[in-house]
Amino acid sequence: MHIYIEEKLDHVKTIKEYYVVMKGQERLKTIFSFEYYNEDSNEDEIISDEEVLTQLFTRLNRFPVYLSFGLHELTDSGIEDVISTVKQRKLLYTQTSVNKRETYMIIEVNQPEDLLQVLEKSLSLASYNGYYLISLTNLLKFETRRTRRWFVKKERLVPVVDMTEPTTFLKIGFDLENVLIFSNEACFDALEKIEAFFPEDEIEQ
């Protein structure tokens, strides 16, 4: 596997491009993007998106982590699989309905094995541009904001990322092409610190 990491210096543009509504945006310190490729790997060396993310959080060794996503963006069978997995593994979770069609789920995960299981049941929605965050604190709130949707601007209850306290979260990019790391913590404020969370021989210079 090969990993390419770059810093996104234009925070305002990146936040807008990836549709992140944020509280405390002025406290955001860094945004990094990383991509990973399996093209040149042998078949037995290829690892899944779920395994890449689980390995990253295992190296970080900061649990619990929180998975926040639009439950409504999964199929009915996908929703059943997620809820069944969460209950079977006895994980804490909340569901918030912002309107008749949209429900968001936040799951607290305390160990890598549980993280991998939940990712395997839910990360698929990110592959068709669903809302998906993984964070080191429970930072997703729901607030009424004036937003535009389908050319109509009005007050809506929307998911808001709270950056007013020290925290870091990952936003899964469109079609799973990349993963963005948003942080206001010192341990994520330089490229070499991000690189330290990945195997040295896999990073593209």
N, C-alpha and C. Protein backbone atom coordinates (compact mmCIF):
# COMPACT_ATOMS: atom_id res chain seq x y z
N MET A 1 0.84 -1.19 0.00
CA MET A 1 0.00 0.00 0.00
C MET A 1 0.88 1.24 0.00
N HIS A 2 0.43 2.27 -0.73
CA HIS A 2 1.14 3.53 -0.77
C HIS A 2 0.23 4.63 -0.21
N ILE A 3 0.81 5.54 0.57
CA ILE A 3 0.04 6.60 1.22
C ILE A 3 0.60 7.95 0.82
N TYR A 4 -0.28 8.85 0.39
CA TYR A 4 0.12 10.21 0.04
C TYR A 4 -0.59 11.17 0.98
N ILE A 5 0.18 12.06 1.61
CA ILE A 5 -0.37 13.01 2.60
C ILE A 5 -0.05 14.43 2.16
N GLU A 6 -1.02 15.31 2.25
CA GLU A 6 -0.78 16.73 1.95
C GLU A 6 -1.59 17.60 2.91
N GLU A 7 -1.08 18.80 3.15
CA GLU A 7 -1.80 19.74 3.99
C GLU A 7 -2.70 20.62 3.14
N LYS A 8 -3.92 20.85 3.60
CA LYS A 8 -4.86 21.75 2.95
C LYS A 8 -4.75 23.12 3.64
N LEU A 9 -4.12 24.06 2.97
CA LEU A 9 -3.85 25.35 3.59
C LEU A 9 -5.04 26.30 3.55
N ASP A 10 -5.90 26.16 2.56
CA ASP A 10 -7.08 27.02 2.45
C ASP A 10 -8.23 26.36 3.22
N HIS A 11 -8.34 26.69 4.49
CA HIS A 11 -9.34 26.04 5.34
C HIS A 11 -10.76 26.36 4.90
N VAL A 12 -11.01 27.61 4.57
CA VAL A 12 -12.38 28.01 4.21
C VAL A 12 -12.84 27.26 2.97
N LYS A 13 -11.97 27.15 1.98
CA LYS A 13 -12.32 26.45 0.74
C LYS A 13 -12.57 24.96 1.01
N THR A 14 -11.71 24.33 1.82
CA THR A 14 -11.85 22.89 2.10
C THR A 14 -13.12 22.60 2.89
N ILE A 15 -13.40 23.42 3.88
CA ILE A 15 -14.62 23.23 4.69
C ILE A 15 -15.86 23.34 3.81
N LYS A 16 -15.86 24.31 2.91
CA LYS A 16 -17.01 24.47 2.00
C LYS A 16 -17.09 23.32 1.01
N GLU A 17 -15.94 22.91 0.48
CA GLU A 17 -15.91 21.84 -0.53
C GLU A 17 -16.43 20.52 0.02
N TYR A 18 -16.16 20.25 1.31
CA TYR A 18 -16.56 18.97 1.89
C TYR A 18 -17.81 19.10 2.77
N TYR A 19 -18.51 20.20 2.64
CA TYR A 19 -19.82 20.38 3.27
C TYR A 19 -19.78 20.14 4.78
N VAL A 20 -18.80 20.75 5.45
CA VAL A 20 -18.70 20.63 6.90
C VAL A 20 -19.25 21.91 7.52
N VAL A 21 -20.28 21.79 8.35
CA VAL A 21 -20.79 22.92 9.11
C VAL A 21 -20.10 22.87 10.47
N MET A 22 -19.45 23.97 10.85
CA MET A 22 -18.57 23.93 12.01
C MET A 22 -18.86 25.08 12.97
N LYS A 23 -18.77 24.77 14.27
CA LYS A 23 -18.84 25.77 15.32
C LYS A 23 -17.44 25.92 15.91
N GLY A 24 -16.95 27.16 16.03
CA GLY A 24 -15.59 27.35 16.51
C GLY A 24 -14.56 27.17 15.40
N GLN A 25 -14.95 27.50 14.18
CA GLN A 25 -14.05 27.30 13.03
C GLN A 25 -12.74 28.06 13.18
N GLU A 26 -12.79 29.18 13.87
CA GLU A 26 -11.58 29.99 14.04
C GLU A 26 -10.52 29.28 14.89
N ARG A 27 -10.90 28.23 15.60
CA ARG A 27 -9.95 27.47 16.42
C ARG A 27 -9.29 26.32 15.66
N LEU A 28 -9.77 26.06 14.45
CA LEU A 28 -9.18 25.00 13.64
C LEU A 28 -7.73 25.35 13.29
N LYS A 29 -6.80 24.43 13.54
CA LYS A 29 -5.38 24.69 13.28
C LYS A 29 -4.91 24.10 11.97
N THR A 30 -5.29 22.86 11.68
CA THR A 30 -4.77 22.20 10.49
C THR A 30 -5.82 21.31 9.84
N ILE A 31 -5.66 21.16 8.52
CA ILE A 31 -6.42 20.14 7.77
C ILE A 31 -5.41 19.39 6.91
N PHE A 32 -5.36 18.09 7.07
CA PHE A 32 -4.52 17.24 6.23
C PHE A 32 -5.41 16.26 5.47
N SER A 33 -4.97 15.90 4.29
CA SER A 33 -5.66 14.90 3.49
C SER A 33 -4.71 13.76 3.22
N PHE A 34 -5.20 12.53 3.36
CA PHE A 34 -4.36 11.40 2.95
C PHE A 34 -5.14 10.46 2.04
N GLU A 35 -4.42 9.91 1.07
CA GLU A 35 -4.96 8.94 0.13
C GLU A 35 -4.10 7.69 0.21
N TYR A 36 -4.69 6.55 -0.07
CA TYR A 36 -3.93 5.31 -0.02
C TYR A 36 -4.30 4.45 -1.23
N TYR A 37 -3.29 3.77 -1.75
CA TYR A 37 -3.44 2.99 -2.97
C TYR A 37 -2.94 1.57 -2.78
N ASN A 38 -3.65 0.64 -3.39
CA ASN A 38 -3.26 -0.76 -3.33
C ASN A 38 -2.78 -1.30 -4.68
N GLU A 39 -2.67 -0.43 -5.70
CA GLU A 39 -2.44 -0.89 -7.07
C GLU A 39 -1.23 -1.81 -7.21
N ASP A 40 -0.13 -1.47 -6.56
CA ASP A 40 1.11 -2.23 -6.74
C ASP A 40 1.29 -3.34 -5.71
N SER A 41 0.28 -3.54 -4.87
CA SER A 41 0.39 -4.54 -3.81
C SER A 41 0.05 -5.92 -4.33
N ASN A 42 0.67 -6.92 -3.75
CA ASN A 42 0.29 -8.29 -4.04
C ASN A 42 -1.10 -8.55 -3.46
N GLU A 43 -1.78 -9.56 -4.00
CA GLU A 43 -3.15 -9.82 -3.57
C GLU A 43 -3.26 -10.03 -2.07
N ASP A 44 -2.27 -10.69 -1.47
CA ASP A 44 -2.32 -10.96 -0.04
C ASP A 44 -1.92 -9.77 0.80
N GLU A 45 -1.50 -8.66 0.14
CA GLU A 45 -1.10 -7.45 0.85
C GLU A 45 -2.17 -6.37 0.82
N ILE A 46 -3.19 -6.58 0.00
CA ILE A 46 -4.25 -5.58 -0.14
C ILE A 46 -5.09 -5.54 1.14
N ILE A 47 -5.29 -4.33 1.66
CA ILE A 47 -6.13 -4.19 2.85
C ILE A 47 -7.29 -3.27 2.53
N SER A 48 -8.40 -3.47 3.22
CA SER A 48 -9.62 -2.72 2.94
C SER A 48 -9.58 -1.33 3.56
N ASP A 49 -10.52 -0.48 3.14
CA ASP A 49 -10.65 0.86 3.74
C ASP A 49 -10.90 0.76 5.23
N GLU A 50 -11.73 -0.20 5.62
CA GLU A 50 -12.05 -0.37 7.03
C GLU A 50 -10.81 -0.74 7.84
N GLU A 51 -9.94 -1.57 7.26
CA GLU A 51 -8.72 -1.98 7.95
C GLU A 51 -7.72 -0.82 8.05
N VAL A 52 -7.64 -0.01 6.99
CA VAL A 52 -6.75 1.16 7.01
C VAL A 52 -7.12 2.09 8.16
N LEU A 53 -8.40 2.39 8.29
CA LEU A 53 -8.85 3.32 9.33
C LEU A 53 -8.70 2.70 10.72
N THR A 54 -8.98 1.41 10.84
CA THR A 54 -8.81 0.74 12.14
C THR A 54 -7.35 0.75 12.56
N GLN A 55 -6.44 0.48 11.64
CA GLN A 55 -5.01 0.51 11.95
C GLN A 55 -4.57 1.90 12.38
N LEU A 56 -5.10 2.93 11.71
CA LEU A 56 -4.74 4.31 12.07
C LEU A 56 -5.14 4.62 13.51
N PHE A 57 -6.37 4.30 13.88
CA PHE A 57 -6.82 4.61 15.25
C PHE A 57 -6.16 3.71 16.28
N THR A 58 -5.77 2.52 15.87
CA THR A 58 -5.02 1.65 16.78
C THR A 58 -3.66 2.26 17.08
N ARG A 59 -3.00 2.81 16.06
CA ARG A 59 -1.70 3.46 16.28
C ARG A 59 -1.86 4.74 17.11
N LEU A 60 -2.94 5.45 16.89
CA LEU A 60 -3.20 6.64 17.70
C LEU A 60 -3.39 6.27 19.17
N ASN A 61 -4.04 5.12 19.39
CA ASN A 61 -4.29 4.61 20.74
C ASN A 61 -5.05 5.62 21.59
N ARG A 62 -6.09 6.20 20.98
CA ARG A 62 -6.93 7.14 21.71
C ARG A 62 -8.40 6.73 21.57
N PHE A 63 -8.79 5.89 22.46
CA PHE A 63 -10.19 5.45 22.49
C PHE A 63 -10.83 6.02 23.75
N PRO A 64 -12.16 6.27 23.73
CA PRO A 64 -13.08 5.92 22.66
C PRO A 64 -12.98 6.87 21.46
N VAL A 65 -13.46 6.37 20.32
CA VAL A 65 -13.69 7.20 19.15
C VAL A 65 -15.17 7.16 18.85
N TYR A 66 -15.63 8.13 18.08
CA TYR A 66 -17.05 8.26 17.81
C TYR A 66 -17.30 8.27 16.31
N LEU A 67 -18.17 7.39 15.86
CA LEU A 67 -18.55 7.34 14.46
C LEU A 67 -19.90 8.03 14.31
N SER A 68 -19.96 9.02 13.44
CA SER A 68 -21.19 9.78 13.23
C SER A 68 -21.55 9.74 11.75
N PHE A 69 -22.75 9.31 11.45
CA PHE A 69 -23.11 9.20 10.03
C PHE A 69 -24.63 9.28 9.85
N GLY A 70 -25.02 9.52 8.60
CA GLY A 70 -26.43 9.58 8.25
C GLY A 70 -27.01 8.19 8.10
N LEU A 71 -27.71 7.73 9.12
CA LEU A 71 -28.28 6.38 9.10
C LEU A 71 -29.28 6.23 7.94
N HIS A 72 -29.94 7.32 7.61
CA HIS A 72 -30.96 7.31 6.55
C HIS A 72 -30.35 7.06 5.17
N GLU A 73 -29.03 7.22 5.05
CA GLU A 73 -28.39 7.04 3.75
C GLU A 73 -28.04 5.58 3.47
N LEU A 74 -28.26 4.70 4.43
CA LEU A 74 -28.09 3.27 4.22
C LEU A 74 -29.39 2.65 3.73
N THR A 75 -29.28 1.47 3.12
CA THR A 75 -30.49 0.72 2.75
C THR A 75 -31.15 0.18 4.02
N ASP A 76 -32.37 -0.30 3.90
CA ASP A 76 -33.07 -0.86 5.06
C ASP A 76 -32.27 -2.02 5.66
N SER A 77 -31.73 -2.88 4.79
CA SER A 77 -30.94 -4.01 5.31
C SER A 77 -29.64 -3.52 5.94
N GLY A 78 -29.08 -2.43 5.37
CA GLY A 78 -27.87 -1.85 5.94
C GLY A 78 -28.11 -1.28 7.33
N ILE A 79 -29.25 -0.63 7.51
CA ILE A 79 -29.63 -0.10 8.82
C ILE A 79 -29.78 -1.23 9.83
N GLU A 80 -30.42 -2.30 9.41
CA GLU A 80 -30.60 -3.46 10.29
C GLU A 80 -29.26 -4.05 10.69
N ASP A 81 -28.33 -4.13 9.74
CA ASP A 81 -27.00 -4.69 10.03
C ASP A 81 -26.25 -3.83 11.04
N VAL A 82 -26.31 -2.50 10.88
CA VAL A 82 -25.61 -1.60 11.80
C VAL A 82 -26.18 -1.73 13.21
N ILE A 83 -27.50 -1.65 13.32
CA ILE A 83 -28.14 -1.70 14.64
C ILE A 83 -27.90 -3.05 15.30
N SER A 84 -27.97 -4.12 14.52
CA SER A 84 -27.71 -5.46 15.05
C SER A 84 -26.28 -5.57 15.58
N THR A 85 -25.31 -5.04 14.82
CA THR A 85 -23.91 -5.10 15.23
C THR A 85 -23.68 -4.29 16.51
N VAL A 86 -24.26 -3.10 16.56
CA VAL A 86 -24.10 -2.23 17.73
C VAL A 86 -24.67 -2.90 18.98
N LYS A 87 -25.84 -3.49 18.86
CA LYS A 87 -26.46 -4.13 20.01
C LYS A 87 -25.72 -5.41 20.41
N GLN A 88 -25.29 -6.16 19.41
CA GLN A 88 -24.57 -7.40 19.70
C GLN A 88 -23.28 -7.13 20.45
N ARG A 89 -22.58 -6.04 20.08
CA ARG A 89 -21.31 -5.71 20.71
C ARG A 89 -21.49 -4.76 21.90
N LYS A 90 -22.76 -4.47 22.23
CA LYS A 90 -23.12 -3.68 23.42
C LYS A 90 -22.43 -2.31 23.42
N LEU A 91 -22.54 -1.61 22.29
CA LEU A 91 -21.95 -0.29 22.15
C LEU A 91 -22.97 0.79 22.46
N LEU A 92 -22.51 1.88 23.04
CA LEU A 92 -23.39 3.00 23.31
C LEU A 92 -23.64 3.77 22.01
N TYR A 93 -24.88 4.20 21.81
CA TYR A 93 -25.18 4.95 20.59
C TYR A 93 -26.39 5.86 20.83
N THR A 94 -26.50 6.87 19.97
CA THR A 94 -27.67 7.74 19.97
C THR A 94 -28.16 7.90 18.54
N GLN A 95 -29.44 8.19 18.38
CA GLN A 95 -30.01 8.50 17.08
C GLN A 95 -30.75 9.82 17.18
N THR A 96 -30.53 10.69 16.19
CA THR A 96 -31.19 11.99 16.17
C THR A 96 -31.85 12.20 14.82
N SER A 97 -33.16 12.41 14.82
CA SER A 97 -33.90 12.69 13.59
C SER A 97 -34.03 14.21 13.44
N VAL A 98 -33.50 14.73 12.35
CA VAL A 98 -33.56 16.18 12.13
C VAL A 98 -34.80 16.56 11.31
N ASN A 99 -35.38 15.60 10.62
CA ASN A 99 -36.67 15.78 9.95
C ASN A 99 -37.23 14.38 9.66
N LYS A 100 -38.30 14.31 8.88
CA LYS A 100 -38.95 13.01 8.64
C LYS A 100 -38.07 12.05 7.85
N ARG A 101 -37.10 12.59 7.10
CA ARG A 101 -36.31 11.73 6.22
C ARG A 101 -34.88 11.50 6.69
N GLU A 102 -34.38 12.34 7.60
CA GLU A 102 -32.96 12.27 7.96
C GLU A 102 -32.76 11.91 9.43
N THR A 103 -32.01 10.83 9.65
CA THR A 103 -31.67 10.39 10.99
C THR A 103 -30.17 10.14 11.07
N TYR A 104 -29.53 10.72 12.07
CA TYR A 104 -28.09 10.56 12.26
C TYR A 104 -27.82 9.68 13.47
N MET A 105 -26.77 8.87 13.35
CA MET A 105 -26.40 7.95 14.41
C MET A 105 -24.99 8.27 14.88
N ILE A 106 -24.78 8.25 16.18
CA ILE A 106 -23.45 8.43 16.76
C ILE A 106 -23.17 7.20 17.63
N ILE A 107 -22.05 6.53 17.34
CA ILE A 107 -21.69 5.29 18.05
C ILE A 107 -20.37 5.48 18.77
N GLU A 108 -20.32 5.14 20.04
CA GLU A 108 -19.08 5.20 20.82
C GLU A 108 -18.39 3.84 20.74
N VAL A 109 -17.13 3.85 20.34
CA VAL A 109 -16.36 2.62 20.18
C VAL A 109 -15.12 2.68 21.06
N ASN A 110 -14.86 1.60 21.81
CA ASN A 110 -13.78 1.64 22.79
C ASN A 110 -12.60 0.72 22.48
N GLN A 111 -12.69 -0.06 21.41
CA GLN A 111 -11.58 -0.93 21.08
C GLN A 111 -11.54 -1.20 19.57
N PRO A 112 -10.36 -1.51 19.04
CA PRO A 112 -10.20 -1.68 17.59
C PRO A 112 -11.12 -2.73 16.98
N GLU A 113 -11.34 -3.83 17.68
CA GLU A 113 -12.17 -4.90 17.12
C GLU A 113 -13.59 -4.40 16.86
N ASP A 114 -14.13 -3.61 17.78
CA ASP A 114 -15.47 -3.06 17.60
C ASP A 114 -15.48 -2.03 16.47
N LEU A 115 -14.42 -1.23 16.39
CA LEU A 115 -14.33 -0.22 15.34
C LEU A 115 -14.38 -0.87 13.96
N LEU A 116 -13.61 -1.93 13.78
CA LEU A 116 -13.59 -2.62 12.49
C LEU A 116 -14.96 -3.18 12.15
N GLN A 117 -15.64 -3.77 13.12
CA GLN A 117 -16.95 -4.35 12.87
C GLN A 117 -17.96 -3.30 12.45
N VAL A 118 -17.98 -2.16 13.14
CA VAL A 118 -18.94 -1.10 12.79
C VAL A 118 -18.59 -0.48 11.44
N LEU A 119 -17.31 -0.27 11.18
CA LEU A 119 -16.91 0.27 9.88
C LEU A 119 -17.34 -0.65 8.74
N GLU A 120 -17.19 -1.93 8.93
CA GLU A 120 -17.56 -2.88 7.88
C GLU A 120 -19.06 -2.85 7.59
N LYS A 121 -19.87 -2.43 8.54
CA LYS A 121 -21.31 -2.38 8.34
C LYS A 121 -21.80 -1.01 7.88
N SER A 122 -20.98 0.03 8.04
CA SER A 122 -21.49 1.38 7.78
C SER A 122 -20.69 2.22 6.79
N LEU A 123 -19.42 1.91 6.60
CA LEU A 123 -18.56 2.78 5.78
C LEU A 123 -18.99 2.82 4.32
N SER A 124 -19.77 1.85 3.89
CA SER A 124 -20.20 1.80 2.49
C SER A 124 -20.93 3.08 2.07
N LEU A 125 -21.62 3.72 3.01
CA LEU A 125 -22.37 4.93 2.64
C LEU A 125 -21.45 6.06 2.22
N ALA A 126 -20.19 6.04 2.72
CA ALA A 126 -19.24 7.06 2.31
C ALA A 126 -18.83 6.91 0.85
N SER A 127 -18.95 5.69 0.32
CA SER A 127 -18.56 5.45 -1.07
C SER A 127 -19.54 6.09 -2.04
N TYR A 128 -20.74 6.43 -1.58
CA TYR A 128 -21.65 7.20 -2.43
C TYR A 128 -21.99 8.53 -1.77
N ASN A 129 -20.92 9.11 -1.16
CA ASN A 129 -20.92 10.49 -0.69
C ASN A 129 -21.87 10.75 0.48
N GLY A 130 -22.10 9.73 1.31
CA GLY A 130 -22.89 9.95 2.51
C GLY A 130 -22.09 10.68 3.58
N TYR A 131 -22.80 11.24 4.55
CA TYR A 131 -22.17 11.99 5.64
C TYR A 131 -21.52 11.01 6.61
N TYR A 132 -20.18 11.14 6.82
CA TYR A 132 -19.49 10.19 7.67
C TYR A 132 -18.30 10.85 8.35
N LEU A 133 -18.32 10.86 9.69
CA LEU A 133 -17.22 11.41 10.49
C LEU A 133 -16.73 10.36 11.48
N ILE A 134 -15.43 10.41 11.78
CA ILE A 134 -14.86 9.62 12.89
C ILE A 134 -14.08 10.61 13.74
N SER A 135 -14.41 10.70 15.02
CA SER A 135 -13.82 11.75 15.85
C SER A 135 -13.28 11.21 17.18
N LEU A 136 -12.39 11.98 17.77
CA LEU A 136 -11.79 11.60 19.04
C LEU A 136 -12.58 12.10 20.25
N THR A 137 -13.58 12.93 20.00
CA THR A 137 -14.53 13.33 21.05
C THR A 137 -15.92 13.30 20.44
N ASN A 138 -16.92 13.34 21.28
CA ASN A 138 -18.30 13.33 20.79
C ASN A 138 -18.68 14.76 20.41
N LEU A 139 -18.29 15.16 19.20
CA LEU A 139 -18.34 16.56 18.82
C LEU A 139 -19.49 16.95 17.90
N LEU A 140 -20.30 15.98 17.48
CA LEU A 140 -21.38 16.31 16.56
C LEU A 140 -22.61 16.77 17.33
N LYS A 141 -23.02 18.00 17.04
CA LYS A 141 -24.22 18.57 17.65
C LYS A 141 -25.24 18.86 16.55
N PHE A 142 -26.44 19.21 16.95
CA PHE A 142 -27.47 19.52 15.97
C PHE A 142 -28.05 20.89 16.31
N GLU A 143 -27.92 21.81 15.37
CA GLU A 143 -28.33 23.19 15.59
C GLU A 143 -29.16 23.69 14.40
N THR A 144 -29.99 24.66 14.68
CA THR A 144 -30.77 25.28 13.62
C THR A 144 -29.90 26.32 12.91
N ARG A 145 -29.69 26.13 11.64
CA ARG A 145 -28.90 27.05 10.83
C ARG A 145 -29.68 27.40 9.56
N ARG A 146 -29.42 28.57 9.04
CA ARG A 146 -30.02 28.97 7.76
C ARG A 146 -29.16 28.41 6.64
N THR A 147 -29.66 27.44 5.94
CA THR A 147 -28.88 26.75 4.91
C THR A 147 -29.66 26.69 3.60
N ARG A 148 -28.90 26.52 2.52
CA ARG A 148 -29.50 26.41 1.19
C ARG A 148 -29.52 24.94 0.75
N ARG A 149 -30.66 24.50 0.28
CA ARG A 149 -30.79 23.15 -0.25
C ARG A 149 -31.78 23.18 -1.39
N TRP A 150 -31.36 22.64 -2.54
CA TRP A 150 -32.19 22.67 -3.73
C TRP A 150 -32.70 24.07 -4.03
N PHE A 151 -31.78 25.03 -3.96
CA PHE A 151 -32.02 26.43 -4.32
C PHE A 151 -32.96 27.15 -3.36
N VAL A 152 -33.29 26.50 -2.25
CA VAL A 152 -34.17 27.13 -1.25
C VAL A 152 -33.38 27.33 0.04
N LYS A 153 -33.34 28.56 0.52
CA LYS A 153 -32.61 28.86 1.74
C LYS A 153 -33.60 29.09 2.88
N LYS A 154 -33.45 28.30 3.96
CA LYS A 154 -34.35 28.46 5.11
C LYS A 154 -33.71 27.86 6.35
N GLU A 155 -34.34 28.06 7.50
CA GLU A 155 -33.85 27.51 8.76
C GLU A 155 -34.06 26.00 8.80
N ARG A 156 -32.97 25.28 9.10
CA ARG A 156 -33.04 23.84 9.17
C ARG A 156 -32.21 23.34 10.35
N LEU A 157 -32.58 22.20 10.91
CA LEU A 157 -31.76 21.53 11.91
C LEU A 157 -30.70 20.72 11.17
N VAL A 158 -29.43 21.01 11.44
CA VAL A 158 -28.35 20.38 10.68
C VAL A 158 -27.26 19.88 11.64
N PRO A 159 -26.47 18.87 11.21
CA PRO A 159 -25.33 18.42 12.02
C PRO A 159 -24.22 19.46 12.00
N VAL A 160 -23.70 19.79 13.19
CA VAL A 160 -22.66 20.81 13.33
C VAL A 160 -21.50 20.22 14.11
N VAL A 161 -20.28 20.36 13.58
CA VAL A 161 -19.09 19.88 14.26
C VAL A 161 -18.62 20.95 15.24
N ASP A 162 -18.51 20.58 16.51
CA ASP A 162 -18.13 21.52 17.56
C ASP A 162 -16.62 21.49 17.78
N MET A 163 -15.95 22.58 17.35
CA MET A 163 -14.49 22.69 17.48
C MET A 163 -14.08 23.66 18.58
N THR A 164 -14.99 23.97 19.49
CA THR A 164 -14.68 24.94 20.53
C THR A 164 -13.75 24.38 21.60
N GLU A 165 -13.63 23.04 21.67
CA GLU A 165 -12.71 22.39 22.60
C GLU A 165 -11.65 21.63 21.79
N PRO A 166 -10.51 21.27 22.42
CA PRO A 166 -9.48 20.50 21.69
C PRO A 166 -10.03 19.18 21.17
N THR A 167 -9.91 18.96 19.88
CA THR A 167 -10.44 17.74 19.28
C THR A 167 -9.88 17.54 17.88
N THR A 168 -10.12 16.36 17.35
CA THR A 168 -9.71 16.00 15.99
C THR A 168 -10.78 15.10 15.40
N PHE A 169 -11.08 15.29 14.12
CA PHE A 169 -12.01 14.38 13.47
C PHE A 169 -11.57 14.10 12.04
N LEU A 170 -12.00 12.95 11.54
CA LEU A 170 -11.74 12.55 10.17
C LEU A 170 -13.04 12.63 9.39
N LYS A 171 -12.96 13.25 8.23
CA LYS A 171 -14.11 13.31 7.31
C LYS A 171 -13.77 12.46 6.10
N ILE A 172 -14.61 11.48 5.82
CA ILE A 172 -14.37 10.61 4.68
C ILE A 172 -14.71 11.37 3.40
N GLY A 173 -13.76 11.42 2.46
CA GLY A 173 -13.95 12.17 1.23
C GLY A 173 -14.91 11.50 0.27
N PHE A 174 -15.23 12.22 -0.81
CA PHE A 174 -16.19 11.73 -1.78
C PHE A 174 -15.69 10.44 -2.44
N ASP A 175 -16.59 9.47 -2.55
CA ASP A 175 -16.28 8.18 -3.18
C ASP A 175 -15.10 7.47 -2.50
N LEU A 176 -14.84 7.81 -1.24
CA LEU A 176 -13.74 7.21 -0.48
C LEU A 176 -12.37 7.46 -1.14
N GLU A 177 -12.27 8.55 -1.90
CA GLU A 177 -11.01 8.84 -2.59
C GLU A 177 -9.93 9.30 -1.63
N ASN A 178 -10.33 9.93 -0.53
CA ASN A 178 -9.35 10.41 0.44
C ASN A 178 -10.02 10.52 1.81
N VAL A 179 -9.20 10.80 2.81
CA VAL A 179 -9.69 11.04 4.16
C VAL A 179 -9.06 12.34 4.64
N LEU A 180 -9.87 13.22 5.21
CA LEU A 180 -9.38 14.50 5.70
C LEU A 180 -9.31 14.49 7.22
N ILE A 181 -8.22 15.03 7.76
CA ILE A 181 -8.03 15.14 9.20
C ILE A 181 -8.14 16.62 9.58
N PHE A 182 -9.18 16.97 10.33
CA PHE A 182 -9.38 18.33 10.84
C PHE A 182 -8.99 18.34 12.31
N SER A 183 -8.14 19.28 12.72
CA SER A 183 -7.69 19.24 14.11
C SER A 183 -7.34 20.63 14.65
N ASN A 184 -7.54 20.79 15.94
CA ASN A 184 -7.04 21.97 16.65
C ASN A 184 -6.11 21.53 17.79
N GLU A 185 -5.53 20.33 17.64
CA GLU A 185 -4.64 19.78 18.66
C GLU A 185 -3.19 19.82 18.19
N ALA A 186 -2.28 19.99 19.13
CA ALA A 186 -0.86 20.10 18.81
C ALA A 186 -0.29 18.82 18.20
N CYS A 187 -0.85 17.67 18.56
CA CYS A 187 -0.31 16.40 18.06
C CYS A 187 -0.63 16.17 16.58
N PHE A 188 -1.40 17.05 15.97
CA PHE A 188 -1.73 16.92 14.54
C PHE A 188 -1.36 18.18 13.76
N ASP A 189 -0.44 19.01 14.30
CA ASP A 189 -0.22 20.31 13.69
C ASP A 189 0.96 20.38 12.71
N ALA A 190 1.52 19.23 12.35
CA ALA A 190 2.65 19.22 11.41
C ALA A 190 2.63 17.94 10.59
N LEU A 191 3.14 18.03 9.36
CA LEU A 191 3.12 16.89 8.46
C LEU A 191 3.85 15.69 9.05
N GLU A 192 5.02 15.92 9.67
CA GLU A 192 5.78 14.79 10.21
C GLU A 192 5.03 14.08 11.34
N LYS A 193 4.17 14.79 12.04
CA LYS A 193 3.38 14.16 13.10
C LYS A 193 2.30 13.25 12.49
N ILE A 194 1.71 13.68 11.38
CA ILE A 194 0.73 12.85 10.69
C ILE A 194 1.41 11.61 10.11
N GLU A 195 2.57 11.80 9.50
CA GLU A 195 3.30 10.68 8.90
C GLU A 195 3.66 9.62 9.93
N ALA A 196 3.87 10.05 11.17
CA ALA A 196 4.27 9.10 12.22
C ALA A 196 3.19 8.07 12.54
N PHE A 197 1.95 8.33 12.11
CA PHE A 197 0.87 7.40 12.37
C PHE A 197 0.75 6.32 11.30
N PHE A 198 1.64 6.37 10.29
CA PHE A 198 1.60 5.39 9.21
C PHE A 198 2.95 4.69 9.10
N PRO A 199 2.98 3.48 8.55
CA PRO A 199 4.27 2.80 8.34
C PRO A 199 5.17 3.63 7.43
N GLU A 200 6.40 3.83 7.84
CA GLU A 200 7.32 4.73 7.13
C GLU A 200 7.53 4.30 5.69
N ASP A 201 7.62 3.00 5.44
CA ASP A 201 7.93 2.52 4.09
C ASP A 201 6.74 2.60 3.13
N GLU A 202 5.57 3.03 3.61
CA GLU A 202 4.38 3.15 2.75
C GLU A 202 4.10 4.58 2.35
N ILE A 203 4.81 5.55 2.92
CA ILE A 203 4.53 6.96 2.65
C ILE A 203 5.26 7.43 1.41
N GLU A 204 4.53 8.07 0.49
CA GLU A 204 5.12 8.64 -0.71
C GLU A 204 5.71 10.00 -0.38
N GLN A 205 6.96 10.22 -0.75
CA GLN A 205 7.61 11.49 -0.48
C GLN A 205 7.47 12.44 -1.69
